[in-house]
PDB file of N, CA and C in Angstrom:
ATOM      1  N   MET A   1      26.964 -73.324 -22.278  1.00  0.00           N
ATOM      2  CA  MET A   1      27.074 -74.086 -22.890  1.00  0.00           C
ATOM      3  C   MET A   1      28.893 -74.021 -22.325  1.00  0.00           C
ATOM      4  N   SER A   2      29.329 -75.414 -22.730  1.00  0.00           N
ATOM      5  CA  SER A   2      30.371 -75.730 -22.392  1.00  0.00           C
ATOM      6  C   SER A   2      31.423 -74.921 -23.622  1.00  0.00           C
ATOM      7  N   ARG A   3      32.718 -75.205 -23.312  1.00  0.00           N
ATOM      8  CA  ARG A   3      33.881 -74.425 -23.936  1.00  0.00           C
ATOM      9  C   ARG A   3      34.054 -74.958 -25.361  1.00  0.00           C
ATOM     10  N   SER A   4      33.963 -76.462 -25.197  1.00  0.00           N
ATOM     11  CA  SER A   4      33.776 -77.173 -26.397  1.00  0.00           C
ATOM     12  C   SER A   4      32.691 -76.743 -27.561  1.00  0.00           C
ATOM     13  N   GLU A   5      31.220 -76.721 -26.806  1.00  0.00           N
ATOM     14  CA  GLU A   5      29.908 -76.065 -27.611  1.00  0.00           C
ATOM     15  C   GLU A   5      30.557 -74.709 -27.957  1.00  0.00           C
ATOM     16  N   VAL A   6      30.911 -73.976 -27.243  1.00  0.00           N
ATOM     17  CA  VAL A   6      30.853 -72.691 -27.761  1.00  0.00           C
ATOM     18  C   VAL A   6      31.727 -72.728 -29.009  1.00  0.00           C
ATOM     19  N   GLY A   7      33.075 -73.573 -28.867  1.00  0.00           N
ATOM     20  CA  GLY A   7      33.889 -73.502 -30.172  1.00  0.00           C
ATOM     21  C   GLY A   7      33.740 -74.435 -31.104  1.00  0.00           C
ATOM     22  N   ALA A   8      32.607 -75.022 -31.093  1.00  0.00           N
ATOM     23  CA  ALA A   8      31.608 -75.547 -32.242  1.00  0.00           C
ATOM     24  C   ALA A   8      31.042 -74.745 -32.834  1.00  0.00           C
ATOM     25  N   THR A   9      30.126 -73.763 -32.036  1.00  0.00           N
ATOM     26  CA  THR A   9      28.907 -72.919 -33.032  1.00  0.00           C
ATOM     27  C   THR A   9      30.066 -71.940 -33.442  1.00  0.00           C
ATOM     28  N   PHE A  10      30.765 -71.652 -32.982  1.00  0.00           N
ATOM     29  CA  PHE A  10      31.531 -70.684 -33.766  1.00  0.00           C
ATOM     30  C   PHE A  10      32.231 -71.152 -35.339  1.00  0.00           C
ATOM     31  N   GLU A  11      32.114 -72.338 -35.247  1.00  0.00           N
ATOM     32  CA  GLU A  11      32.536 -72.975 -36.739  1.00  0.00           C
ATOM     33  C   GLU A  11      31.159 -72.754 -37.664  1.00  0.00           C
ATOM     34  N   SER A  12      29.975 -72.531 -36.843  1.00  0.00           N
ATOM     35  CA  SER A  12      28.359 -72.529 -37.853  1.00  0.00           C
ATOM     36  C   SER A  12      28.410 -71.589 -38.496  1.00  0.00           C
ATOM     37  N   LEU A  13      29.308 -70.060 -37.499  1.00  0.00           N
ATOM     38  CA  LEU A  13      29.040 -68.760 -38.284  1.00  0.00           C
ATOM     39  C   LEU A  13      29.754 -68.203 -39.575  1.00  0.00           C
ATOM     40  N   PRO A  14      29.396 -67.816 -40.558  1.00  0.00           N
ATOM     41  CA  PRO A  14      29.918 -67.382 -41.505  1.00  0.00           C
ATOM     42  C   PRO A  14      30.767 -66.463 -41.290  1.00  0.00           C
ATOM     43  N   ARG A  15      32.006 -66.567 -42.133  1.00  0.00           N
ATOM     44  CA  ARG A  15      32.632 -65.457 -41.900  1.00  0.00           C
ATOM     45  C   ARG A  15      33.341 -64.869 -40.738  1.00  0.00           C
ATOM     46  N   LEU A  16      33.270 -65.290 -39.660  1.00  0.00           N
ATOM     47  CA  LEU A  16      33.457 -64.737 -38.165  1.00  0.00           C
ATOM     48  C   LEU A  16      34.955 -64.171 -37.989  1.00  0.00           C
ATOM     49  N   PRO A  17      35.102 -63.267 -37.968  1.00  0.00           N
ATOM     50  CA  PRO A  17      36.631 -62.746 -37.780  1.00  0.00           C
ATOM     51  C   PRO A  17      37.246 -63.251 -36.332  1.00  0.00           C
ATOM     52  N   ARG A  18      38.134 -63.966 -36.756  1.00  0.00           N
ATOM     53  CA  ARG A  18      38.809 -65.053 -35.307  1.00  0.00           C
ATOM     54  C   ARG A  18      40.524 -65.184 -35.661  1.00  0.00           C
ATOM     55  N   ASP A  19      40.630 -65.288 -34.549  1.00  0.00           N
ATOM     56  CA  ASP A  19      42.276 -65.913 -34.972  1.00  0.00           C
ATOM     57  C   ASP A  19      42.500 -67.192 -34.329  1.00  0.00           C
ATOM     58  N   GLU A  20      43.597 -67.864 -33.594  1.00  0.00           N
ATOM     59  CA  GLU A  20      43.620 -68.985 -33.177  1.00  0.00           C
ATOM     60  C   GLU A  20      43.098 -69.139 -31.547  1.00  0.00           C
ATOM     61  N   HIS A  21      42.953 -67.719 -31.093  1.00  0.00           N
ATOM     62  CA  HIS A  21      42.457 -68.010 -29.736  1.00  0.00           C
ATOM     63  C   HIS A  21      40.716 -68.233 -29.933  1.00  0.00           C
ATOM     64  N   GLY A  22      40.025 -67.318 -30.920  1.00  0.00           N
ATOM     65  CA  GLY A  22      38.637 -67.269 -31.193  1.00  0.00           C
ATOM     66  C   GLY A  22      38.219 -66.387 -32.003  1.00  0.00           C
ATOM     67  N   PRO A  23      36.954 -65.339 -31.467  1.00  0.00           N
ATOM     68  CA  PRO A  23      36.542 -64.359 -32.211  1.00  0.00           C
ATOM     69  C   PRO A  23      37.455 -62.803 -31.863  1.00  0.00           C
ATOM     70  N   VAL A  24      37.311 -62.097 -32.587  1.00  0.00           N
ATOM     71  CA  VAL A  24      38.509 -61.157 -32.524  1.00  0.00           C
ATOM     72  C   VAL A  24      37.230 -59.855 -32.555  1.00  0.00           C
ATOM     73  N   PHE A  25      37.762 -58.779 -31.763  1.00  0.00           N
ATOM     74  CA  PHE A  25      36.889 -57.628 -32.115  1.00  0.00           C
ATOM     75  C   PHE A  25      37.912 -56.218 -31.808  1.00  0.00           C
ATOM     76  N   ALA A  26      37.220 -55.304 -33.412  1.00  0.00           N
ATOM     77  CA  ALA A  26      38.281 -53.903 -33.086  1.00  0.00           C
ATOM     78  C   ALA A  26      37.565 -53.045 -32.126  1.00  0.00           C
ATOM     79  N   GLU A  27      36.499 -53.182 -31.736  1.00  0.00           N
ATOM     80  CA  GLU A  27      35.944 -52.165 -30.775  1.00  0.00           C
ATOM     81  C   GLU A  27      34.828 -52.925 -29.862  1.00  0.00           C
ATOM     82  N   PRO A  28      34.608 -52.401 -28.596  1.00  0.00           N
ATOM     83  CA  PRO A  28      34.287 -52.922 -27.563  1.00  0.00           C
ATOM     84  C   PRO A  28      32.472 -53.453 -27.981  1.00  0.00           C
ATOM     85  N   TRP A  29      31.877 -52.510 -28.596  1.00  0.00           N
ATOM     86  CA  TRP A  29      30.593 -53.021 -28.856  1.00  0.00           C
ATOM     87  C   TRP A  29      30.361 -53.916 -29.824  1.00  0.00           C
ATOM     88  N   GLN A  30      31.666 -54.310 -30.864  1.00  0.00           N
ATOM     89  CA  GLN A  30      31.167 -55.519 -31.080  1.00  0.00           C
ATOM     90  C   GLN A  30      31.347 -56.917 -30.380  1.00  0.00           C
ATOM     91  N   ALA A  31      31.946 -56.867 -29.419  1.00  0.00           N
ATOM     92  CA  ALA A  31      32.379 -58.076 -28.101  1.00  0.00           C
ATOM     93  C   ALA A  31      30.583 -58.209 -27.305  1.00  0.00           C
ATOM     94  N   GLN A  32      30.252 -56.409 -27.238  1.00  0.00           N
ATOM     95  CA  GLN A  32      28.978 -56.580 -26.673  1.00  0.00           C
ATOM     96  C   GLN A  32      27.861 -57.036 -27.283  1.00  0.00           C
ATOM     97  N   ALA A  33      27.993 -57.306 -28.623  1.00  0.00           N
ATOM     98  CA  ALA A  33      27.125 -57.464 -29.560  1.00  0.00           C
ATOM     99  C   ALA A  33      27.165 -59.479 -29.857  1.00  0.00           C
ATOM    100  N   PHE A  34      28.418 -59.495 -29.735  1.00  0.00           N
ATOM    101  CA  PHE A  34      28.473 -61.195 -30.033  1.00  0.00           C
ATOM    102  C   PHE A  34      28.312 -61.615 -28.725  1.00  0.00           C
ATOM    103  N   ALA A  35      28.303 -61.346 -27.806  1.00  0.00           N
ATOM    104  CA  ALA A  35      27.977 -62.152 -25.924  1.00  0.00           C
ATOM    105  C   ALA A  35      26.670 -61.959 -26.318  1.00  0.00           C
ATOM    106  N   LEU A  36      25.618 -60.789 -26.655  1.00  0.00           N
ATOM    107  CA  LEU A  36      24.312 -60.661 -26.176  1.00  0.00           C
ATOM    108  C   LEU A  36      23.561 -62.135 -27.450  1.00  0.00           C
ATOM    109  N   ALA A  37      24.023 -61.964 -28.360  1.00  0.00           N
ATOM    110  CA  ALA A  37      23.557 -63.099 -29.105  1.00  0.00           C
ATOM    111  C   ALA A  37      23.712 -64.269 -28.642  1.00  0.00           C
ATOM    112  N   VAL A  38      24.960 -64.746 -27.872  1.00  0.00           N
ATOM    113  CA  VAL A  38      25.760 -65.604 -27.364  1.00  0.00           C
ATOM    114  C   VAL A  38      24.390 -66.374 -26.149  1.00  0.00           C
ATOM    115  N   ARG A  39      24.354 -64.799 -25.055  1.00  0.00           N
ATOM    116  CA  ARG A  39      23.628 -64.883 -24.097  1.00  0.00           C
ATOM    117  C   ARG A  39      22.134 -65.354 -24.518  1.00  0.00           C
ATOM    118  N   LEU A  40      21.744 -64.613 -25.525  1.00  0.00           N
ATOM    119  CA  LEU A  40      20.086 -65.102 -25.424  1.00  0.00           C
ATOM    120  C   LEU A  40      19.939 -66.111 -26.482  1.00  0.00           C
ATOM    121  N   SER A  41      21.103 -66.852 -27.029  1.00  0.00           N
ATOM    122  CA  SER A  41      20.733 -68.478 -27.548  1.00  0.00           C
ATOM    123  C   SER A  41      20.774 -68.933 -26.258  1.00  0.00           C
ATOM    124  N   ALA A  42      21.695 -68.950 -25.492  1.00  0.00           N
ATOM    125  CA  ALA A  42      21.972 -69.475 -24.546  1.00  0.00           C
ATOM    126  C   ALA A  42      20.707 -69.842 -23.623  1.00  0.00           C
ATOM    127  N   GLU A  43      20.261 -68.603 -23.419  1.00  0.00           N
ATOM    128  CA  GLU A  43      18.810 -68.494 -23.087  1.00  0.00           C
ATOM    129  C   GLU A  43      17.484 -69.279 -23.527  1.00  0.00           C
ATOM    130  N   GLY A  44      17.912 -69.617 -24.539  1.00  0.00           N
ATOM    131  CA  GLY A  44      16.613 -70.343 -25.352  1.00  0.00           C
ATOM    132  C   GLY A  44      15.790 -69.332 -25.888  1.00  0.00           C
ATOM    133  N   HIS A  45      16.255 -68.030 -26.182  1.00  0.00           N
ATOM    134  CA  HIS A  45      15.560 -67.146 -27.062  1.00  0.00           C
ATOM    135  C   HIS A  45      15.388 -67.500 -28.730  1.00  0.00           C
ATOM    136  N   PHE A  46      16.649 -68.037 -28.834  1.00  0.00           N
ATOM    137  CA  PHE A  46      16.463 -68.464 -30.692  1.00  0.00           C
ATOM    138  C   PHE A  46      17.230 -69.663 -30.260  1.00  0.00           C
ATOM    139  N   THR A  47      17.685 -70.466 -31.166  1.00  0.00           N
ATOM    140  CA  THR A  47      18.618 -71.977 -31.354  1.00  0.00           C
ATOM    141  C   THR A  47      19.755 -71.206 -32.066  1.00  0.00           C
ATOM    142  N   TRP A  48      20.916 -71.766 -31.797  1.00  0.00           N
ATOM    143  CA  TRP A  48      22.394 -71.363 -32.531  1.00  0.00           C
ATOM    144  C   TRP A  48      21.804 -71.443 -34.183  1.00  0.00           C
ATOM    145  N   THR A  49      21.314 -72.486 -34.738  1.00  0.00           N
ATOM    146  CA  THR A  49      21.167 -72.429 -35.830  1.00  0.00           C
ATOM    147  C   THR A  49      20.436 -71.722 -36.419  1.00  0.00           C
ATOM    148  N   GLU A  50      18.853 -71.054 -35.662  1.00  0.00           N
ATOM    149  CA  GLU A  50      18.533 -69.801 -36.025  1.00  0.00           C
ATOM    150  C   GLU A  50      19.209 -68.499 -36.103  1.00  0.00           C
ATOM    151  N   TRP A  51      20.212 -68.418 -35.502  1.00  0.00           N
ATOM    152  CA  TRP A  51      21.231 -67.265 -35.386  1.00  0.00           C
ATOM    153  C   TRP A  51      21.706 -67.823 -36.358  1.00  0.00           C
ATOM    154  N   ALA A  52      22.904 -68.560 -36.676  1.00  0.00           N
ATOM    155  CA  ALA A  52      23.822 -68.609 -37.997  1.00  0.00           C
ATOM    156  C   ALA A  52      22.865 -68.485 -39.258  1.00  0.00           C
ATOM    157  N   ASP A  53      21.999 -69.125 -39.278  1.00  0.00           N
ATOM    158  CA  ASP A  53      20.450 -68.940 -40.522  1.00  0.00           C
ATOM    159  C   ASP A  53      20.630 -67.370 -40.590  1.00  0.00           C
ATOM    160  N   THR A  54      19.909 -66.783 -39.715  1.00  0.00           N
ATOM    161  CA  THR A  54      19.607 -65.109 -39.861  1.00  0.00           C
ATOM    162  C   THR A  54      20.706 -64.171 -39.988  1.00  0.00           C
ATOM    163  N   LEU A  55      21.935 -64.453 -39.213  1.00  0.00           N
ATOM    164  CA  LEU A  55      23.043 -64.028 -39.828  1.00  0.00           C
ATOM    165  C   LEU A  55      23.853 -64.542 -41.489  1.00  0.00           C
ATOM    166  N   ALA A  56      23.474 -65.553 -41.783  1.00  0.00           N
ATOM    167  CA  ALA A  56      24.124 -66.117 -43.210  1.00  0.00           C
ATOM    168  C   ALA A  56      23.037 -64.882 -44.034  1.00  0.00           C
ATOM    169  N   ALA A  57      21.421 -64.944 -43.929  1.00  0.00           N
ATOM    170  CA  ALA A  57      20.808 -64.553 -44.697  1.00  0.00           C
ATOM    171  C   ALA A  57      21.277 -62.751 -44.777  1.00  0.00           C
ATOM    172  N   GLN A  58      21.360 -62.196 -43.281  1.00  0.00           N
ATOM    173  CA  GLN A  58      21.929 -60.649 -43.391  1.00  0.00           C
ATOM    174  C   GLN A  58      22.870 -60.372 -44.231  1.00  0.00           C
ATOM    175  N   LEU A  59      24.050 -61.361 -44.059  1.00  0.00           N
ATOM    176  CA  LEU A  59      25.317 -61.552 -44.997  1.00  0.00           C
ATOM    177  C   LEU A  59      24.912 -61.520 -46.535  1.00  0.00           C
ATOM    178  N   GLU A  60      24.051 -62.614 -46.488  1.00  0.00           N
ATOM    179  CA  GLU A  60      23.986 -62.795 -48.114  1.00  0.00           C
ATOM    180  C   GLU A  60      23.243 -61.395 -48.766  1.00  0.00           C
ATOM    181  N   GLY A  61      22.363 -60.902 -47.811  1.00  0.00           N
ATOM    182  CA  GLY A  61      20.999 -59.762 -48.460  1.00  0.00           C
ATOM    183  C   GLY A  61      22.284 -58.659 -48.654  1.00  0.00           C
ATOM    184  N   ALA A  62      23.004 -58.369 -47.816  1.00  0.00           N
ATOM    185  CA  ALA A  62      24.113 -57.142 -47.961  1.00  0.00           C
ATOM    186  C   ALA A  62      24.846 -57.322 -49.268  1.00  0.00           C
ATOM    187  N   ALA A  63      25.303 -58.635 -49.751  1.00  0.00           N
ATOM    188  CA  ALA A  63      26.009 -58.997 -51.045  1.00  0.00           C
ATOM    189  C   ALA A  63      25.152 -58.789 -52.017  1.00  0.00           C
ATOM    190  N   ARG A  64      24.196 -58.882 -52.294  1.00  0.00           N
ATOM    191  CA  ARG A  64      23.074 -58.387 -53.077  1.00  0.00           C
ATOM    192  C   ARG A  64      22.832 -57.274 -53.510  1.00  0.00           C
ATOM    193  N   ARG A  65      23.320 -56.586 -52.264  1.00  0.00           N
ATOM    194  CA  ARG A  65      22.860 -54.857 -52.447  1.00  0.00           C
ATOM    195  C   ARG A  65      24.087 -54.380 -52.612  1.00  0.00           C
ATOM    196  N   GLY A  66      25.147 -54.906 -52.963  1.00  0.00           N
ATOM    197  CA  GLY A  66      26.060 -54.348 -53.067  1.00  0.00           C
ATOM    198  C   GLY A  66      27.263 -54.078 -52.126  1.00  0.00           C
ATOM    199  N   GLN A  67      26.669 -54.343 -51.157  1.00  0.00           N
ATOM    200  CA  GLN A  67      27.246 -54.160 -49.743  1.00  0.00           C
ATOM    201  C   GLN A  67      28.205 -55.284 -49.208  1.00  0.00           C
ATOM    202  N   ALA A  68      28.584 -55.954 -49.822  1.00  0.00           N
ATOM    203  CA  ALA A  68      29.444 -57.318 -49.383  1.00  0.00           C
ATOM    204  C   ALA A  68      30.404 -56.811 -48.348  1.00  0.00           C
ATOM    205  N   ASP A  69      30.568 -57.450 -47.252  1.00  0.00           N
ATOM    206  CA  ASP A  69      31.864 -57.477 -46.408  1.00  0.00           C
ATOM    207  C   ASP A  69      32.874 -57.964 -46.844  1.00  0.00           C
ATOM    208  N   GLU A  70      33.816 -57.206 -46.538  1.00  0.00           N
ATOM    209  CA  GLU A  70      35.395 -57.359 -46.549  1.00  0.00           C
ATOM    210  C   GLU A  70      36.148 -57.782 -45.358  1.00  0.00           C
ATOM    211  N   GLY A  71      34.919 -57.683 -44.581  1.00  0.00           N
ATOM    212  CA  GLY A  71      35.736 -57.769 -43.219  1.00  0.00           C
ATOM    213  C   GLY A  71      35.654 -56.376 -42.359  1.00  0.00           C
ATOM    214  N   PHE A  72      35.733 -55.263 -42.520  1.00  0.00           N
ATOM    215  CA  PHE A  72      35.410 -54.737 -41.439  1.00  0.00           C
ATOM    216  C   PHE A  72      33.995 -53.974 -41.049  1.00  0.00           C
ATOM    217  N   ARG A  73      33.067 -54.748 -41.579  1.00  0.00           N
ATOM    218  CA  ARG A  73      31.587 -54.758 -41.183  1.00  0.00           C
ATOM    219  C   ARG A  73      31.016 -55.985 -41.228  1.00  0.00           C
ATOM    220  N   TYR A  74      31.767 -56.834 -40.647  1.00  0.00           N
ATOM    221  CA  TYR A  74      30.816 -57.508 -40.075  1.00  0.00           C
ATOM    222  C   TYR A  74      30.087 -57.456 -39.141  1.00  0.00           C
ATOM    223  N   TYR A  75      30.198 -57.283 -38.354  1.00  0.00           N
ATOM    224  CA  TYR A  75      29.567 -56.566 -36.631  1.00  0.00           C
ATOM    225  C   TYR A  75      28.821 -56.157 -37.038  1.00  0.00           C
ATOM    226  N   GLU A  76      28.716 -54.798 -38.162  1.00  0.00           N
ATOM    227  CA  GLU A  76      27.456 -54.474 -38.270  1.00  0.00           C
ATOM    228  C   GLU A  76      25.864 -54.909 -38.822  1.00  0.00           C
ATOM    229  N   HIS A  77      26.635 -56.233 -39.493  1.00  0.00           N
ATOM    230  CA  HIS A  77      25.551 -57.047 -40.235  1.00  0.00           C
ATOM    231  C   HIS A  77      25.307 -58.253 -39.011  1.00  0.00           C
ATOM    232  N   TRP A  78      26.235 -58.648 -38.179  1.00  0.00           N
ATOM    233  CA  TRP A  78      25.658 -59.231 -36.690  1.00  0.00           C
ATOM    234  C   TRP A  78      24.793 -58.063 -36.278  1.00  0.00           C
ATOM    235  N   LEU A  79      24.927 -56.718 -36.026  1.00  0.00           N
ATOM    236  CA  LEU A  79      23.825 -56.402 -34.844  1.00  0.00           C
ATOM    237  C   LEU A  79      22.946 -56.486 -35.986  1.00  0.00           C
ATOM    238  N   ALA A  80      22.545 -56.424 -37.227  1.00  0.00           N
ATOM    239  CA  ALA A  80      21.421 -56.013 -37.937  1.00  0.00           C
ATOM    240  C   ALA A  80      20.690 -57.234 -37.716  1.00  0.00           C
ATOM    241  N   ALA A  81      21.184 -58.373 -37.743  1.00  0.00           N
ATOM    242  CA  ALA A  81      20.679 -59.761 -37.642  1.00  0.00           C
ATOM    243  C   ALA A  81      20.575 -59.866 -36.440  1.00  0.00           C
ATOM    244  N   LEU A  82      20.977 -59.433 -35.437  1.00  0.00           N
ATOM    245  CA  LEU A  82      20.545 -59.481 -33.892  1.00  0.00           C
ATOM    246  C   LEU A  82      19.217 -58.744 -33.662  1.00  0.00           C
ATOM    247  N   GLU A  83      19.079 -57.370 -33.964  1.00  0.00           N
ATOM    248  CA  GLU A  83      17.943 -56.827 -34.012  1.00  0.00           C
ATOM    249  C   GLU A  83      16.739 -57.858 -34.695  1.00  0.00           C
ATOM    250  N   GLN A  84      17.254 -57.959 -36.075  1.00  0.00           N
ATOM    251  CA  GLN A  84      16.013 -59.129 -37.114  1.00  0.00           C
ATOM    252  C   GLN A  84      15.549 -60.052 -35.676  1.00  0.00           C
ATOM    253  N   LEU A  85      16.277 -61.038 -35.331  1.00  0.00           N
ATOM    254  CA  LEU A  85      15.903 -62.023 -34.490  1.00  0.00           C
ATOM    255  C   LEU A  85      14.994 -61.387 -33.458  1.00  0.00           C
ATOM    256  N   VAL A  86      15.620 -60.110 -32.346  1.00  0.00           N
ATOM    257  CA  VAL A  86      15.157 -59.995 -31.435  1.00  0.00           C
ATOM    258  C   VAL A  86      13.547 -59.288 -31.614  1.00  0.00           C
ATOM    259  N   GLU A  87      13.686 -58.627 -32.570  1.00  0.00           N
ATOM    260  CA  GLU A  87      12.060 -58.318 -33.039  1.00  0.00           C
ATOM    261  C   GLU A  87      11.355 -59.320 -33.345  1.00  0.00           C
ATOM    262  N   ALA A  88      11.588 -60.313 -34.234  1.00  0.00           N
ATOM    263  CA  ALA A  88      11.021 -61.304 -34.571  1.00  0.00           C
ATOM    264  C   ALA A  88      10.635 -62.164 -33.476  1.00  0.00           C
ATOM    265  N   LYS A  89      11.099 -62.787 -32.347  1.00  0.00           N
ATOM    266  CA  LYS A  89      10.882 -63.269 -31.296  1.00  0.00           C
ATOM    267  C   LYS A  89      10.662 -62.499 -30.099  1.00  0.00           C
ATOM    268  N   ARG A  90      10.022 -60.964 -30.701  1.00  0.00           N
ATOM    269  CA  ARG A  90       9.152 -60.378 -29.757  1.00  0.00           C
ATOM    270  C   ARG A  90       9.953 -60.112 -28.082  1.00  0.00           C
ATOM    271  N   LEU A  91      11.016 -59.930 -28.677  1.00  0.00           N
ATOM    272  CA  LEU A  91      12.021 -59.590 -27.449  1.00  0.00           C
ATOM    273  C   LEU A  91      11.782 -58.198 -26.720  1.00  0.00           C
ATOM    274  N   ALA A  92      11.755 -57.455 -27.982  1.00  0.00           N
ATOM    275  CA  ALA A  92      11.562 -56.020 -28.004  1.00  0.00           C
ATOM    276  C   ALA A  92      10.880 -55.588 -29.057  1.00  0.00           C
ATOM    277  N   SER A  93      10.466 -54.515 -29.769  1.00  0.00           N
ATOM    278  CA  SER A  93      10.112 -53.997 -30.701  1.00  0.00           C
ATOM    279  C   SER A  93      10.730 -52.960 -31.324  1.00  0.00           C
ATOM    280  N   ALA A  94      10.635 -52.720 -32.451  1.00  0.00           N
ATOM    281  CA  ALA A  94      11.176 -51.985 -33.763  1.00  0.00           C
ATOM    282  C   ALA A  94      11.222 -50.547 -32.875  1.00  0.00           C
ATOM    283  N   GLY A  95       9.877 -50.174 -32.487  1.00  0.00           N
ATOM    284  CA  GLY A  95      10.313 -48.867 -31.475  1.00  0.00           C
ATOM    285  C   GLY A  95      11.113 -48.820 -30.226  1.00  0.00           C
ATOM    286  N   GLU A  96      11.347 -49.674 -29.684  1.00  0.00           N
ATOM    287  CA  GLU A  96      11.889 -49.668 -28.556  1.00  0.00           C
ATOM    288  C   GLU A  96      13.501 -49.967 -28.952  1.00  0.00           C
ATOM    289  N   LEU A  97      13.833 -50.669 -29.850  1.00  0.00           N
ATOM    290  CA  LEU A  97      15.318 -50.765 -30.257  1.00  0.00           C
ATOM    291  C   LEU A  97      15.417 -49.451 -30.803  1.00  0.00           C
ATOM    292  N   ALA A  98      14.575 -49.071 -31.669  1.00  0.00           N
ATOM    293  CA  ALA A  98      14.880 -47.511 -32.202  1.00  0.00           C
ATOM    294  C   ALA A  98      15.002 -46.159 -30.987  1.00  0.00           C
ATOM    295  N   GLU A  99      14.458 -46.475 -29.707  1.00  0.00           N
ATOM    296  CA  GLU A  99      14.581 -45.504 -28.755  1.00  0.00           C
ATOM    297  C   GLU A  99      15.696 -45.486 -28.187  1.00  0.00           C
ATOM    298  N   ARG A 100      16.575 -47.353 -27.520  1.00  0.00           N
ATOM    299  CA  ARG A 100      17.846 -47.236 -27.139  1.00  0.00           C
ATOM    300  C   ARG A 100      18.812 -46.866 -28.169  1.00  0.00           C
ATOM    301  N   LYS A 101      18.801 -46.779 -29.066  1.00  0.00           N
ATOM    302  CA  LYS A 101      19.864 -46.267 -29.885  1.00  0.00           C
ATOM    303  C   LYS A 101      19.895 -45.132 -30.139  1.00  0.00           C
ATOM    304  N   HIS A 102      18.594 -44.399 -29.963  1.00  0.00           N
ATOM    305  CA  HIS A 102      18.538 -42.893 -30.080  1.00  0.00           C
ATOM    306  C   HIS A 102      19.612 -42.782 -28.289  1.00  0.00           C
ATOM    307  N   ALA A 103      19.161 -43.260 -27.403  1.00  0.00           N
ATOM    308  CA  ALA A 103      19.433 -42.904 -26.427  1.00  0.00           C
ATOM    309  C   ALA A 103      21.113 -43.294 -25.924  1.00  0.00           C
ATOM    310  N   TRP A 104      21.704 -43.864 -26.902  1.00  0.00           N
ATOM    311  CA  TRP A 104      23.023 -43.973 -26.697  1.00  0.00           C
ATOM    312  C   TRP A 104      23.933 -43.487 -27.624  1.00  0.00           C
ATOM    313  N   SER A 105      22.807 -42.842 -28.921  1.00  0.00           N
ATOM    314  CA  SER A 105      23.335 -41.918 -29.707  1.00  0.00           C
ATOM    315  C   SER A 105      23.692 -40.311 -28.933  1.00  0.00           C
ATOM    316  N   ASP A 106      22.305 -40.276 -28.016  1.00  0.00           N
ATOM    317  CA  ASP A 106      22.768 -38.894 -27.219  1.00  0.00           C
ATOM    318  C   ASP A 106      23.680 -39.350 -26.178  1.00  0.00           C
ATOM    319  N   ALA A 107      23.798 -39.836 -25.570  1.00  0.00           N
ATOM    320  CA  ALA A 107      25.042 -40.418 -24.599  1.00  0.00           C
ATOM    321  C   ALA A 107      25.953 -40.008 -25.333  1.00  0.00           C
ATOM    322  N   TYR A 108      26.162 -40.885 -26.033  1.00  0.00           N
ATOM    323  CA  TYR A 108      27.677 -40.562 -26.946  1.00  0.00           C
ATOM    324  C   TYR A 108      28.234 -39.272 -27.405  1.00  0.00           C
ATOM    325  N   ALA A 109      26.919 -38.564 -27.592  1.00  0.00           N
ATOM    326  CA  ALA A 109      27.491 -37.287 -28.007  1.00  0.00           C
ATOM    327  C   ALA A 109      27.496 -36.135 -26.897  1.00  0.00           C
ATOM    328  N   HIS A 110      27.170 -36.749 -25.724  1.00  0.00           N
ATOM    329  CA  HIS A 110      27.288 -36.228 -24.678  1.00  0.00           C
ATOM    330  C   HIS A 110      28.364 -36.389 -24.078  1.00  0.00           C
ATOM    331  N   THR A 111      28.939 -37.482 -23.893  1.00  0.00           N
ATOM    332  CA  THR A 111      30.008 -37.715 -23.444  1.00  0.00           C
ATOM    333  C   THR A 111      31.614 -37.092 -23.494  1.00  0.00           C
ATOM    334  N   PRO A 112      32.003 -36.578 -22.214  1.00  0.00           N
ATOM    335  CA  PRO A 112      33.572 -35.861 -22.612  1.00  0.00           C
ATOM    336  C   PRO A 112      34.447 -37.197 -23.371  1.00  0.00           C
ATOM    337  N   HIS A 113      35.177 -36.831 -24.335  1.00  0.00           N
ATOM    338  CA  HIS A 113      36.497 -37.388 -25.040  1.00  0.00           C
ATOM    339  C   HIS A 113      37.158 -38.469 -23.808  1.00  0.00           C
ATOM    340  N   GLY A 114      37.233 -39.652 -24.014  1.00  0.00           N
ATOM    341  CA  GLY A 114      37.941 -40.574 -22.536  1.00  0.00           C
ATOM    342  C   GLY A 114      37.164 -40.728 -21.702  1.00  0.00           C
ATOM    343  N   ASP A 115      35.911 -40.174 -21.415  1.00  0.00           N
ATOM    344  CA  ASP A 115      35.269 -40.988 -20.411  1.00  0.00           C
ATOM    345  C   ASP A 115      34.379 -41.864 -20.994  1.00  0.00           C
ATOM    346  N   PRO A 116      34.026 -43.136 -20.242  1.00  0.00           N
ATOM    347  CA  PRO A 116      33.233 -43.987 -20.345  1.00  0.00           C
ATOM    348  C   PRO A 116      31.411 -43.305 -20.537  1.00  0.00           C
ATOM    349  N   VAL A 117      30.917 -43.986 -21.808  1.00  0.00           N
ATOM    350  CA  VAL A 117      29.411 -43.547 -22.264  1.00  0.00           C
ATOM    351  C   VAL A 117      28.584 -44.430 -21.233  1.00  0.00           C
ATOM    352  N   ARG A 118      27.834 -43.568 -20.664  1.00  0.00           N
ATOM    353  CA  ARG A 118      26.766 -44.130 -20.040  1.00  0.00           C
ATOM    354  C   ARG A 118      25.285 -43.625 -20.257  1.00  0.00           C
ATOM    355  N   LEU A 119      24.214 -45.156 -20.115  1.00  0.00           N
ATOM    356  CA  LEU A 119      22.844 -44.006 -20.603  1.00  0.00           C
ATOM    357  C   LEU A 119      22.256 -43.533 -18.865  1.00  0.00           C
ATOM    358  N   ARG A 120      21.724 -42.456 -19.100  1.00  0.00           N
ATOM    359  CA  ARG A 120      21.065 -42.160 -17.880  1.00  0.00           C
ATOM    360  C   ARG A 120      19.801 -43.209 -17.318  1.00  0.00           C
TER     361      ARG A 120
END
């Protein structure tokens, strides 16, 4: 994607936290989840319209459940939408995603404070 295409795609995303320079992230995992969605779309695994629609549905569903986002949970919804698309497109199964989450949680729990978290 060109820089102008990327900028245009941001406009299609509901409530994307951003400033005058582009998307903003409070934590590294948010930037990584963002980059993964952009990359998977750029590689043709799903269209950007599919992505924006899936994210919008995730945000709307959360609001209906009384979990409306005031900005601090946006990337949790982003990640849930990404997992939904990854499963729907059969890029990974629910079991594979759960296994990876467990591996990251375990690695995090066993990493000394200040050291980077690494999977074995």
